[in-house]
Amino acid sequence: MLLAWLILRVVDPRDRLRIAGKRLTDPAEALAQRVAERVVELVLEVLDVNALALRLDLNALLDHVDVNALLSRVDVDALLARTDVDALLARVDVNDLVQRLDIDGLVEQTDLGAVIARSSGGVAAEALDSARSQAVGMDQFIDRWTQRALRRKGRGPASPVAPASPAGHARPPLLPGQARP
């Protein structure tokens, strides 16, 4: 009994059956695969896809599609990189778009006083800066011609304003030989 047990442990008596079965099942499986492929080919040859599409209820089919999950898989950057924006804009009817605008509604919601104040304040500041710049340029021009007329070789003062005192009041210029108090 012990000897039989040892032999059965090393040798499986069903191995010969398995080998014989494989010899039968492998060719049968390959044959079944070829038959299935041929059946699919024949069905597709006789199938009228247009007639089938007409019988489909696309709304019911689309009800089963998770649009959010589908859109989450879209690479928007890659899609936009492939988009010809010029061709897209060429198809836009700007006149039709402008006619759709509610100008009266936009004007009602806009604080025109604030817009005018901001824009006129900016214009006034730019005009003042321009006038100041021109005045400084004119002052420098007059100073150069005055220096030439008086035949002075050295440059004049850098600024026509006297330096301010610590209290913030302008100090009068010093006379020759006079010391500051």
N, C-alpha and C. Protein backbone atom coordinates (compact mmCIF):
# COMPACT_ATOMS: atom_id res chain seq x y z
N MET A 1 0.82 -1.18 0.00
CA MET A 1 0.00 0.00 0.00
C MET A 1 0.87 1.25 0.00
N LEU A 2 1.91 1.19 0.77
CA LEU A 2 2.84 2.31 0.84
C LEU A 2 3.52 2.49 -0.50
N LEU A 3 3.85 1.41 -1.15
CA LEU A 3 4.48 1.48 -2.45
C LEU A 3 3.54 2.09 -3.48
N ALA A 4 2.27 1.74 -3.47
CA ALA A 4 1.28 2.30 -4.40
C ALA A 4 1.10 3.79 -4.16
N TRP A 5 1.12 4.12 -2.91
CA TRP A 5 0.94 5.53 -2.57
C TRP A 5 2.12 6.36 -3.08
N LEU A 6 3.34 5.85 -2.92
CA LEU A 6 4.52 6.53 -3.41
C LEU A 6 4.52 6.64 -4.93
N ILE A 7 4.07 5.59 -5.59
CA ILE A 7 4.03 5.61 -7.06
C ILE A 7 3.00 6.64 -7.54
N LEU A 8 1.83 6.65 -6.91
CA LEU A 8 0.78 7.59 -7.31
C LEU A 8 1.18 9.04 -7.02
N ARG A 9 2.02 9.18 -6.07
CA ARG A 9 2.48 10.53 -5.74
C ARG A 9 3.40 11.06 -6.83
N VAL A 10 4.16 10.23 -7.47
CA VAL A 10 5.10 10.62 -8.51
C VAL A 10 4.43 10.58 -9.88
N VAL A 11 3.61 9.59 -10.14
CA VAL A 11 2.99 9.40 -11.45
C VAL A 11 1.50 9.62 -11.30
N ASP A 12 0.96 10.49 -12.17
CA ASP A 12 -0.48 10.75 -12.14
C ASP A 12 -1.13 9.90 -13.23
N PRO A 13 -2.03 9.00 -12.91
CA PRO A 13 -2.62 8.10 -13.91
C PRO A 13 -3.50 8.86 -14.91
N ARG A 14 -3.90 10.08 -14.57
CA ARG A 14 -4.77 10.84 -15.48
C ARG A 14 -3.97 11.63 -16.51
N ASP A 15 -2.64 11.63 -16.42
CA ASP A 15 -1.82 12.36 -17.38
C ASP A 15 -2.06 11.90 -18.80
N ARG A 16 -2.17 10.60 -19.00
CA ARG A 16 -2.38 10.09 -20.36
C ARG A 16 -3.72 10.55 -20.89
N LEU A 17 -4.74 10.61 -20.00
CA LEU A 17 -6.05 11.10 -20.43
C LEU A 17 -5.98 12.58 -20.80
N ARG A 18 -5.25 13.36 -20.02
CA ARG A 18 -5.12 14.79 -20.29
C ARG A 18 -4.43 15.01 -21.64
N ILE A 19 -3.38 14.27 -21.88
CA ILE A 19 -2.64 14.41 -23.14
C ILE A 19 -3.54 14.04 -24.31
N ALA A 20 -4.28 12.97 -24.19
CA ALA A 20 -5.20 12.56 -25.25
C ALA A 20 -6.30 13.60 -25.43
N GLY A 21 -6.78 14.15 -24.35
CA GLY A 21 -7.83 15.18 -24.41
C GLY A 21 -7.33 16.43 -25.10
N LYS A 22 -6.09 16.85 -24.81
CA LYS A 22 -5.51 18.03 -25.45
C LYS A 22 -5.40 17.82 -26.96
N ARG A 23 -5.05 16.58 -27.34
CA ARG A 23 -4.94 16.29 -28.77
C ARG A 23 -6.29 16.44 -29.46
N LEU A 24 -7.36 16.22 -28.74
CA LEU A 24 -8.69 16.36 -29.31
C LEU A 24 -9.23 17.79 -29.18
N THR A 25 -9.01 18.43 -28.02
CA THR A 25 -9.63 19.74 -27.77
C THR A 25 -8.92 20.88 -28.49
N ASP A 26 -7.61 20.85 -28.62
CA ASP A 26 -6.90 21.96 -29.28
C ASP A 26 -7.33 22.13 -30.73
N PRO A 27 -7.36 21.08 -31.53
CA PRO A 27 -7.84 21.26 -32.90
C PRO A 27 -9.32 21.63 -32.95
N ALA A 28 -10.10 21.11 -32.04
CA ALA A 28 -11.53 21.44 -32.02
C ALA A 28 -11.72 22.92 -31.66
N GLU A 29 -10.92 23.43 -30.74
CA GLU A 29 -11.02 24.84 -30.35
C GLU A 29 -10.62 25.74 -31.51
N ALA A 30 -9.57 25.38 -32.23
CA ALA A 30 -9.13 26.16 -33.38
C ALA A 30 -10.20 26.14 -34.47
N LEU A 31 -10.82 24.99 -34.68
CA LEU A 31 -11.89 24.87 -35.67
C LEU A 31 -13.09 25.73 -35.27
N ALA A 32 -13.45 25.71 -34.02
CA ALA A 32 -14.58 26.52 -33.54
C ALA A 32 -14.28 28.01 -33.72
N GLN A 33 -13.05 28.43 -33.49
CA GLN A 33 -12.65 29.83 -33.66
C GLN A 33 -12.78 30.24 -35.12
N ARG A 34 -12.33 29.39 -36.05
CA ARG A 34 -12.43 29.70 -37.47
C ARG A 34 -13.89 29.76 -37.92
N VAL A 35 -14.71 28.87 -37.40
CA VAL A 35 -16.14 28.87 -37.74
C VAL A 35 -16.80 30.15 -37.24
N ALA A 36 -16.49 30.57 -36.03
CA ALA A 36 -17.07 31.79 -35.46
C ALA A 36 -16.66 33.02 -36.28
N GLU A 37 -15.39 33.11 -36.67
CA GLU A 37 -14.93 34.23 -37.48
C GLU A 37 -15.65 34.28 -38.82
N ARG A 38 -15.84 33.10 -39.44
CA ARG A 38 -16.53 33.04 -40.74
C ARG A 38 -17.99 33.43 -40.60
N VAL A 39 -18.63 33.01 -39.52
CA VAL A 39 -20.03 33.37 -39.28
C VAL A 39 -20.17 34.88 -39.13
N VAL A 40 -19.24 35.50 -38.40
CA VAL A 40 -19.27 36.96 -38.23
C VAL A 40 -19.10 37.64 -39.58
N GLU A 41 -18.19 37.16 -40.40
CA GLU A 41 -17.99 37.74 -41.73
C GLU A 41 -19.26 37.65 -42.55
N LEU A 42 -19.92 36.50 -42.55
CA LEU A 42 -21.15 36.31 -43.32
C LEU A 42 -22.27 37.22 -42.82
N VAL A 43 -22.38 37.36 -41.52
CA VAL A 43 -23.42 38.22 -40.95
C VAL A 43 -23.17 39.67 -41.35
N LEU A 44 -21.92 40.11 -41.29
CA LEU A 44 -21.61 41.49 -41.64
C LEU A 44 -21.84 41.77 -43.13
N GLU A 45 -21.62 40.75 -43.97
CA GLU A 45 -21.84 40.93 -45.40
C GLU A 45 -23.32 41.13 -45.72
N VAL A 46 -24.21 40.48 -45.01
CA VAL A 46 -25.63 40.57 -45.31
C VAL A 46 -26.34 41.61 -44.44
N LEU A 47 -25.66 42.14 -43.45
CA LEU A 47 -26.28 43.09 -42.52
C LEU A 47 -26.37 44.46 -43.17
N ASP A 48 -27.55 45.09 -43.11
CA ASP A 48 -27.75 46.45 -43.60
C ASP A 48 -27.59 47.39 -42.40
N VAL A 49 -26.41 48.01 -42.29
CA VAL A 49 -26.10 48.85 -41.13
C VAL A 49 -27.02 50.06 -41.08
N ASN A 50 -27.36 50.63 -42.24
CA ASN A 50 -28.26 51.79 -42.26
C ASN A 50 -29.63 51.42 -41.71
N ALA A 51 -30.15 50.27 -42.11
CA ALA A 51 -31.46 49.84 -41.60
C ALA A 51 -31.39 49.58 -40.10
N LEU A 52 -30.27 49.04 -39.65
CA LEU A 52 -30.09 48.79 -38.22
C LEU A 52 -30.02 50.11 -37.45
N ALA A 53 -29.32 51.09 -37.99
CA ALA A 53 -29.20 52.39 -37.33
C ALA A 53 -30.55 53.08 -37.22
N LEU A 54 -31.40 52.89 -38.24
CA LEU A 54 -32.74 53.49 -38.19
C LEU A 54 -33.59 52.87 -37.09
N ARG A 55 -33.35 51.63 -36.78
CA ARG A 55 -34.13 50.95 -35.74
C ARG A 55 -33.64 51.25 -34.33
N LEU A 56 -32.44 51.83 -34.22
CA LEU A 56 -31.88 52.13 -32.90
C LEU A 56 -32.57 53.35 -32.30
N ASP A 57 -32.80 53.30 -31.01
CA ASP A 57 -33.31 54.47 -30.28
C ASP A 57 -32.09 55.16 -29.67
N LEU A 58 -31.55 56.16 -30.40
CA LEU A 58 -30.31 56.82 -29.97
C LEU A 58 -30.49 57.56 -28.65
N ASN A 59 -31.66 58.10 -28.40
CA ASN A 59 -31.88 58.80 -27.13
C ASN A 59 -31.75 57.84 -25.95
N ALA A 60 -32.31 56.64 -26.10
CA ALA A 60 -32.18 55.64 -25.03
C ALA A 60 -30.74 55.22 -24.87
N LEU A 61 -30.02 55.11 -25.99
CA LEU A 61 -28.61 54.74 -25.93
C LEU A 61 -27.80 55.83 -25.24
N LEU A 62 -28.06 57.09 -25.58
CA LEU A 62 -27.32 58.19 -24.98
C LEU A 62 -27.66 58.40 -23.51
N ASP A 63 -28.83 57.95 -23.09
CA ASP A 63 -29.18 58.04 -21.67
C ASP A 63 -28.24 57.22 -20.80
N HIS A 64 -27.62 56.21 -21.40
CA HIS A 64 -26.70 55.34 -20.66
C HIS A 64 -25.27 55.85 -20.67
N VAL A 65 -25.02 56.95 -21.40
CA VAL A 65 -23.66 57.50 -21.50
C VAL A 65 -23.47 58.54 -20.40
N ASP A 66 -22.40 58.41 -19.63
CA ASP A 66 -22.05 59.38 -18.60
C ASP A 66 -21.21 60.48 -19.25
N VAL A 67 -21.88 61.59 -19.59
CA VAL A 67 -21.21 62.67 -20.34
C VAL A 67 -20.09 63.29 -19.52
N ASN A 68 -20.31 63.47 -18.24
CA ASN A 68 -19.27 64.08 -17.39
C ASN A 68 -18.02 63.21 -17.35
N ALA A 69 -18.20 61.91 -17.24
CA ALA A 69 -17.05 61.00 -17.23
C ALA A 69 -16.34 61.05 -18.59
N LEU A 70 -17.12 61.15 -19.66
CA LEU A 70 -16.54 61.22 -20.99
C LEU A 70 -15.75 62.52 -21.17
N LEU A 71 -16.31 63.64 -20.73
CA LEU A 71 -15.64 64.93 -20.87
C LEU A 71 -14.41 65.04 -19.96
N SER A 72 -14.41 64.35 -18.84
CA SER A 72 -13.25 64.41 -17.95
C SER A 72 -12.03 63.75 -18.57
N ARG A 73 -12.24 62.90 -19.57
CA ARG A 73 -11.13 62.23 -20.25
C ARG A 73 -10.60 63.02 -21.43
N VAL A 74 -11.24 64.16 -21.77
CA VAL A 74 -10.84 64.96 -22.93
C VAL A 74 -9.67 65.87 -22.54
N ASP A 75 -8.63 65.88 -23.35
CA ASP A 75 -7.49 66.77 -23.16
C ASP A 75 -7.78 68.07 -23.90
N VAL A 76 -8.30 69.07 -23.17
CA VAL A 76 -8.74 70.32 -23.78
C VAL A 76 -7.56 71.06 -24.42
N ASP A 77 -6.40 71.03 -23.78
CA ASP A 77 -5.23 71.72 -24.34
C ASP A 77 -4.84 71.13 -25.70
N ALA A 78 -4.86 69.81 -25.80
CA ALA A 78 -4.52 69.17 -27.08
C ALA A 78 -5.59 69.49 -28.12
N LEU A 79 -6.83 69.55 -27.71
CA LEU A 79 -7.92 69.88 -28.62
C LEU A 79 -7.77 71.30 -29.14
N LEU A 80 -7.47 72.24 -28.25
CA LEU A 80 -7.30 73.64 -28.66
C LEU A 80 -6.06 73.83 -29.52
N ALA A 81 -5.03 73.04 -29.27
CA ALA A 81 -3.82 73.15 -30.07
C ALA A 81 -4.09 72.74 -31.52
N ARG A 82 -5.05 71.86 -31.74
CA ARG A 82 -5.40 71.43 -33.09
C ARG A 82 -6.44 72.33 -33.74
N THR A 83 -6.97 73.31 -33.00
CA THR A 83 -8.04 74.17 -33.52
C THR A 83 -7.44 75.33 -34.30
N ASP A 84 -7.98 75.59 -35.48
CA ASP A 84 -7.59 76.73 -36.30
C ASP A 84 -8.50 77.89 -35.91
N VAL A 85 -8.02 78.75 -35.01
CA VAL A 85 -8.83 79.84 -34.47
C VAL A 85 -9.19 80.84 -35.56
N ASP A 86 -8.28 81.09 -36.51
CA ASP A 86 -8.57 82.04 -37.59
C ASP A 86 -9.73 81.54 -38.44
N ALA A 87 -9.73 80.27 -38.77
CA ALA A 87 -10.83 79.71 -39.55
C ALA A 87 -12.13 79.76 -38.77
N LEU A 88 -12.05 79.53 -37.47
CA LEU A 88 -13.23 79.59 -36.63
C LEU A 88 -13.79 81.01 -36.57
N LEU A 89 -12.92 82.00 -36.39
CA LEU A 89 -13.37 83.39 -36.33
C LEU A 89 -13.87 83.89 -37.68
N ALA A 90 -13.35 83.34 -38.76
CA ALA A 90 -13.82 83.73 -40.09
C ALA A 90 -15.28 83.32 -40.30
N ARG A 91 -15.72 82.32 -39.58
CA ARG A 91 -17.11 81.86 -39.71
C ARG A 91 -18.07 82.63 -38.82
N VAL A 92 -17.55 83.48 -37.92
CA VAL A 92 -18.40 84.24 -37.00
C VAL A 92 -18.96 85.46 -37.72
N ASP A 93 -20.27 85.64 -37.65
CA ASP A 93 -20.93 86.81 -38.22
C ASP A 93 -20.96 87.88 -37.13
N VAL A 94 -20.01 88.80 -37.20
CA VAL A 94 -19.86 89.83 -36.16
C VAL A 94 -21.08 90.74 -36.13
N ASN A 95 -21.62 91.09 -37.30
CA ASN A 95 -22.80 91.96 -37.35
C ASN A 95 -23.97 91.32 -36.63
N ASP A 96 -24.19 90.04 -36.85
CA ASP A 96 -25.27 89.34 -36.16
C ASP A 96 -25.02 89.31 -34.66
N LEU A 97 -23.78 89.11 -34.28
CA LEU A 97 -23.41 89.09 -32.86
C LEU A 97 -23.68 90.43 -32.20
N VAL A 98 -23.33 91.52 -32.87
CA VAL A 98 -23.54 92.86 -32.31
C VAL A 98 -25.03 93.17 -32.22
N GLN A 99 -25.81 92.70 -33.18
CA GLN A 99 -27.25 92.95 -33.14
C GLN A 99 -27.91 92.25 -31.96
N ARG A 100 -27.33 91.19 -31.49
CA ARG A 100 -27.89 90.45 -30.35
C ARG A 100 -27.59 91.14 -29.01
N LEU A 101 -26.64 92.07 -28.98
CA LEU A 101 -26.27 92.73 -27.73
C LEU A 101 -27.39 93.65 -27.27
N ASP A 102 -27.63 93.66 -25.98
CA ASP A 102 -28.63 94.56 -25.38
C ASP A 102 -27.88 95.79 -24.87
N ILE A 103 -27.69 96.77 -25.76
CA ILE A 103 -26.92 97.96 -25.42
C ILE A 103 -27.61 98.74 -24.30
N ASP A 104 -28.94 98.85 -24.37
CA ASP A 104 -29.66 99.59 -23.32
C ASP A 104 -29.45 98.94 -21.96
N GLY A 105 -29.49 97.63 -21.90
CA GLY A 105 -29.26 96.93 -20.63
C GLY A 105 -27.85 97.15 -20.13
N LEU A 106 -26.86 97.15 -21.04
CA LEU A 106 -25.48 97.40 -20.63
C LEU A 106 -25.32 98.81 -20.08
N VAL A 107 -25.96 99.79 -20.73
CA VAL A 107 -25.84 101.18 -20.28
C VAL A 107 -26.50 101.35 -18.91
N GLU A 108 -27.64 100.67 -18.69
CA GLU A 108 -28.32 100.76 -17.40
C GLU A 108 -27.45 100.21 -16.27
N GLN A 109 -26.67 99.18 -16.54
CA GLN A 109 -25.86 98.55 -15.51
C GLN A 109 -24.49 99.20 -15.36
N THR A 110 -24.18 100.20 -16.18
CA THR A 110 -22.88 100.84 -16.14
C THR A 110 -22.99 102.19 -15.46
N ASP A 111 -22.08 102.47 -14.54
CA ASP A 111 -22.02 103.77 -13.88
C ASP A 111 -21.15 104.68 -14.76
N LEU A 112 -21.80 105.35 -15.71
CA LEU A 112 -21.07 106.16 -16.67
C LEU A 112 -20.32 107.31 -16.00
N GLY A 113 -20.89 107.85 -14.92
CA GLY A 113 -20.22 108.95 -14.20
C GLY A 113 -18.85 108.52 -13.70
N ALA A 114 -18.78 107.31 -13.14
CA ALA A 114 -17.50 106.82 -12.62
C ALA A 114 -16.53 106.56 -13.77
N VAL A 115 -17.05 106.01 -14.88
CA VAL A 115 -16.18 105.75 -16.03
C VAL A 115 -15.62 107.06 -16.58
N ILE A 116 -16.48 108.07 -16.71
CA ILE A 116 -16.03 109.37 -17.22
C ILE A 116 -15.04 110.01 -16.26
N ALA A 117 -15.32 109.93 -14.95
CA ALA A 117 -14.41 110.52 -13.96
C ALA A 117 -13.04 109.84 -14.02
N ARG A 118 -13.04 108.51 -14.12
CA ARG A 118 -11.75 107.81 -14.19
C ARG A 118 -10.99 108.15 -15.46
N SER A 119 -11.70 108.16 -16.57
CA SER A 119 -11.01 108.43 -17.82
C SER A 119 -10.58 109.89 -17.91
N SER A 120 -11.42 110.82 -17.46
CA SER A 120 -11.02 112.24 -17.53
C SER A 120 -9.93 112.53 -16.51
N GLY A 121 -9.97 111.87 -15.35
CA GLY A 121 -8.89 112.05 -14.36
C GLY A 121 -7.56 111.59 -14.93
N GLY A 122 -7.58 110.49 -15.64
CA GLY A 122 -6.36 110.00 -16.27
C GLY A 122 -5.87 110.94 -17.36
N VAL A 123 -6.82 111.46 -18.15
CA VAL A 123 -6.44 112.40 -19.21
C VAL A 123 -5.87 113.67 -18.60
N ALA A 124 -6.52 114.16 -17.52
CA ALA A 124 -6.04 115.38 -16.87
C ALA A 124 -4.64 115.17 -16.29
N ALA A 125 -4.40 114.04 -15.67
CA ALA A 125 -3.09 113.76 -15.10
C ALA A 125 -2.03 113.69 -16.20
N GLU A 126 -2.37 113.06 -17.32
CA GLU A 126 -1.42 112.98 -18.43
C GLU A 126 -1.15 114.36 -19.02
N ALA A 127 -2.20 115.18 -19.13
CA ALA A 127 -2.02 116.54 -19.67
C ALA A 127 -1.13 117.36 -18.73
N LEU A 128 -1.36 117.23 -17.42
CA LEU A 128 -0.56 117.96 -16.44
C LEU A 128 0.90 117.51 -16.49
N ASP A 129 1.13 116.19 -16.59
CA ASP A 129 2.50 115.68 -16.70
C ASP A 129 3.17 116.20 -17.96
N SER A 130 2.43 116.23 -19.05
CA SER A 130 2.98 116.72 -20.30
C SER A 130 3.33 118.21 -20.20
N ALA A 131 2.44 119.00 -19.59
CA ALA A 131 2.70 120.43 -19.43
C ALA A 131 3.93 120.65 -18.54
N ARG A 132 4.04 119.88 -17.46
CA ARG A 132 5.20 120.01 -16.57
C ARG A 132 6.48 119.68 -17.32
N SER A 133 6.45 118.60 -18.09
CA SER A 133 7.62 118.19 -18.84
C SER A 133 8.04 119.27 -19.83
N GLN A 134 7.06 119.86 -20.50
CA GLN A 134 7.37 120.92 -21.46
C GLN A 134 7.90 122.15 -20.76
N ALA A 135 7.35 122.48 -19.58
CA ALA A 135 7.83 123.64 -18.83
C ALA A 135 9.28 123.44 -18.39
N VAL A 136 9.61 122.23 -17.94
CA VAL A 136 10.99 121.95 -17.53
C VAL A 136 11.92 122.05 -18.73
N GLY A 137 11.49 121.51 -19.87
CA GLY A 137 12.30 121.61 -21.08
C GLY A 137 12.50 123.05 -21.51
N MET A 138 11.44 123.87 -21.43
CA MET A 138 11.53 125.27 -21.79
C MET A 138 12.45 126.01 -20.82
N ASP A 139 12.35 125.68 -19.52
CA ASP A 139 13.20 126.31 -18.51
C ASP A 139 14.67 126.01 -18.79
N GLN A 140 14.97 124.76 -19.13
CA GLN A 140 16.35 124.40 -19.43
C GLN A 140 16.84 125.10 -20.70
N PHE A 141 15.97 125.25 -21.68
CA PHE A 141 16.32 125.93 -22.93
C PHE A 141 16.66 127.40 -22.65
N ILE A 142 15.79 128.06 -21.87
CA ILE A 142 16.03 129.47 -21.54
C ILE A 142 17.30 129.62 -20.73
N ASP A 143 17.55 128.69 -19.80
CA ASP A 143 18.74 128.75 -18.97
C ASP A 143 20.00 128.63 -19.84
N ARG A 144 20.01 127.72 -20.81
CA ARG A 144 21.17 127.57 -21.69
C ARG A 144 21.43 128.86 -22.48
N TRP A 145 20.38 129.46 -23.02
CA TRP A 145 20.56 130.68 -23.82
C TRP A 145 20.98 131.85 -22.95
N THR A 146 20.47 131.89 -21.72
CA THR A 146 20.88 132.96 -20.81
C THR A 146 22.36 132.81 -20.47
N GLN A 147 22.80 131.57 -20.21
CA GLN A 147 24.22 131.33 -19.91
C GLN A 147 25.10 131.73 -21.09
N ARG A 148 24.64 131.44 -22.30
CA ARG A 148 25.41 131.83 -23.49
C ARG A 148 25.44 133.35 -23.65
N ALA A 149 24.27 134.00 -23.42
CA ALA A 149 24.21 135.46 -23.59
C ALA A 149 25.11 136.15 -22.58
N LEU A 150 25.18 135.61 -21.37
CA LEU A 150 26.04 136.21 -20.34
C LEU A 150 27.46 135.69 -20.44
N ARG A 151 27.74 134.84 -21.40
CA ARG A 151 29.07 134.27 -21.67
C ARG A 151 29.67 133.60 -20.44
N ARG A 152 28.82 132.81 -19.79
CA ARG A 152 29.29 132.06 -18.61
C ARG A 152 29.75 130.68 -19.07
N LYS A 153 30.89 130.27 -18.56
CA LYS A 153 31.44 128.97 -18.93
C LYS A 153 30.88 127.84 -18.05
N GLY A 154 30.71 128.08 -16.75
CA GLY A 154 30.23 127.05 -15.82
C GLY A 154 28.72 126.84 -15.94
N ARG A 155 28.30 125.74 -15.44
CA ARG A 155 26.86 125.44 -15.44
C ARG A 155 26.20 126.22 -14.32
N GLY A 156 24.95 126.55 -14.51
CA GLY A 156 24.18 127.28 -13.50
C GLY A 156 23.73 126.34 -12.40
N PRO A 157 22.93 126.82 -11.49
CA PRO A 157 22.42 125.96 -10.40
C PRO A 157 21.56 124.83 -10.96
N ALA A 158 21.60 123.70 -10.27
CA ALA A 158 20.85 122.52 -10.73
C ALA A 158 19.35 122.74 -10.57
N SER A 159 18.97 123.56 -9.57
CA SER A 159 17.55 123.80 -9.32
C SER A 159 17.36 125.25 -8.97
N PRO A 160 16.33 125.91 -9.49
CA PRO A 160 16.13 127.32 -9.18
C PRO A 160 15.59 127.56 -7.78
N VAL A 161 15.17 126.50 -7.07
CA VAL A 161 14.58 126.66 -5.75
C VAL A 161 15.68 126.59 -4.70
N ALA A 162 15.61 127.50 -3.71
CA ALA A 162 16.59 127.49 -2.61
C ALA A 162 16.32 126.30 -1.73
N PRO A 163 17.37 125.72 -1.09
CA PRO A 163 17.15 124.57 -0.21
C PRO A 163 16.22 124.94 0.95
N ALA A 164 15.43 123.96 1.38
CA ALA A 164 14.46 124.21 2.45
C ALA A 164 15.12 124.10 3.81
N SER A 165 14.59 124.86 4.76
CA SER A 165 15.08 124.79 6.14
C SER A 165 14.49 123.56 6.79
N PRO A 166 14.99 123.16 7.98
CA PRO A 166 14.44 121.97 8.64
C PRO A 166 12.96 122.12 8.94
N ALA A 167 12.46 123.34 9.13
CA ALA A 167 11.05 123.54 9.42
C ALA A 167 10.20 123.45 8.15
N GLY A 168 10.85 123.39 6.99
CA GLY A 168 10.11 123.25 5.75
C GLY A 168 9.95 124.57 5.02
N HIS A 169 10.43 125.70 5.55
CA HIS A 169 10.32 126.98 4.87
C HIS A 169 11.57 127.21 4.04
N ALA A 170 11.39 127.89 2.93
CA ALA A 170 12.54 128.18 2.07
C ALA A 170 13.43 129.21 2.75
N ARG A 171 14.74 128.96 2.67
CA ARG A 171 15.70 129.90 3.27
C ARG A 171 16.15 130.88 2.19
N PRO A 172 16.34 132.09 2.54
CA PRO A 172 16.84 133.06 1.56
C PRO A 172 18.28 132.72 1.21
N PRO A 173 18.71 133.03 -0.01
CA PRO A 173 20.09 132.72 -0.39
C PRO A 173 21.07 133.55 0.42
N LEU A 174 22.27 133.03 0.62
CA LEU A 174 23.32 133.72 1.40
C LEU A 174 24.00 134.75 0.53
N LEU A 175 24.30 135.85 1.11
CA LEU A 175 25.09 136.90 0.45
C LEU A 175 26.55 136.53 0.63
N PRO A 176 27.46 137.06 -0.23
CA PRO A 176 28.89 136.74 -0.07
C PRO A 176 29.39 137.16 1.30
N GLY A 177 30.07 136.26 1.98
CA GLY A 177 30.63 136.51 3.29
C GLY A 177 29.65 136.32 4.42
N GLN A 178 28.43 135.97 4.16
CA GLN A 178 27.40 135.82 5.22
C GLN A 178 27.34 134.35 5.64
N ALA A 179 27.19 134.11 6.93
CA ALA A 179 27.09 132.75 7.47
C ALA A 179 25.66 132.45 7.87
N ARG A 180 25.32 131.19 7.88
CA ARG A 180 23.95 130.79 8.29
C ARG A 180 23.82 130.90 9.81
N PRO A 181 22.64 131.36 10.26
CA PRO A 181 22.40 131.46 11.70
C PRO A 181 22.16 130.11 12.32
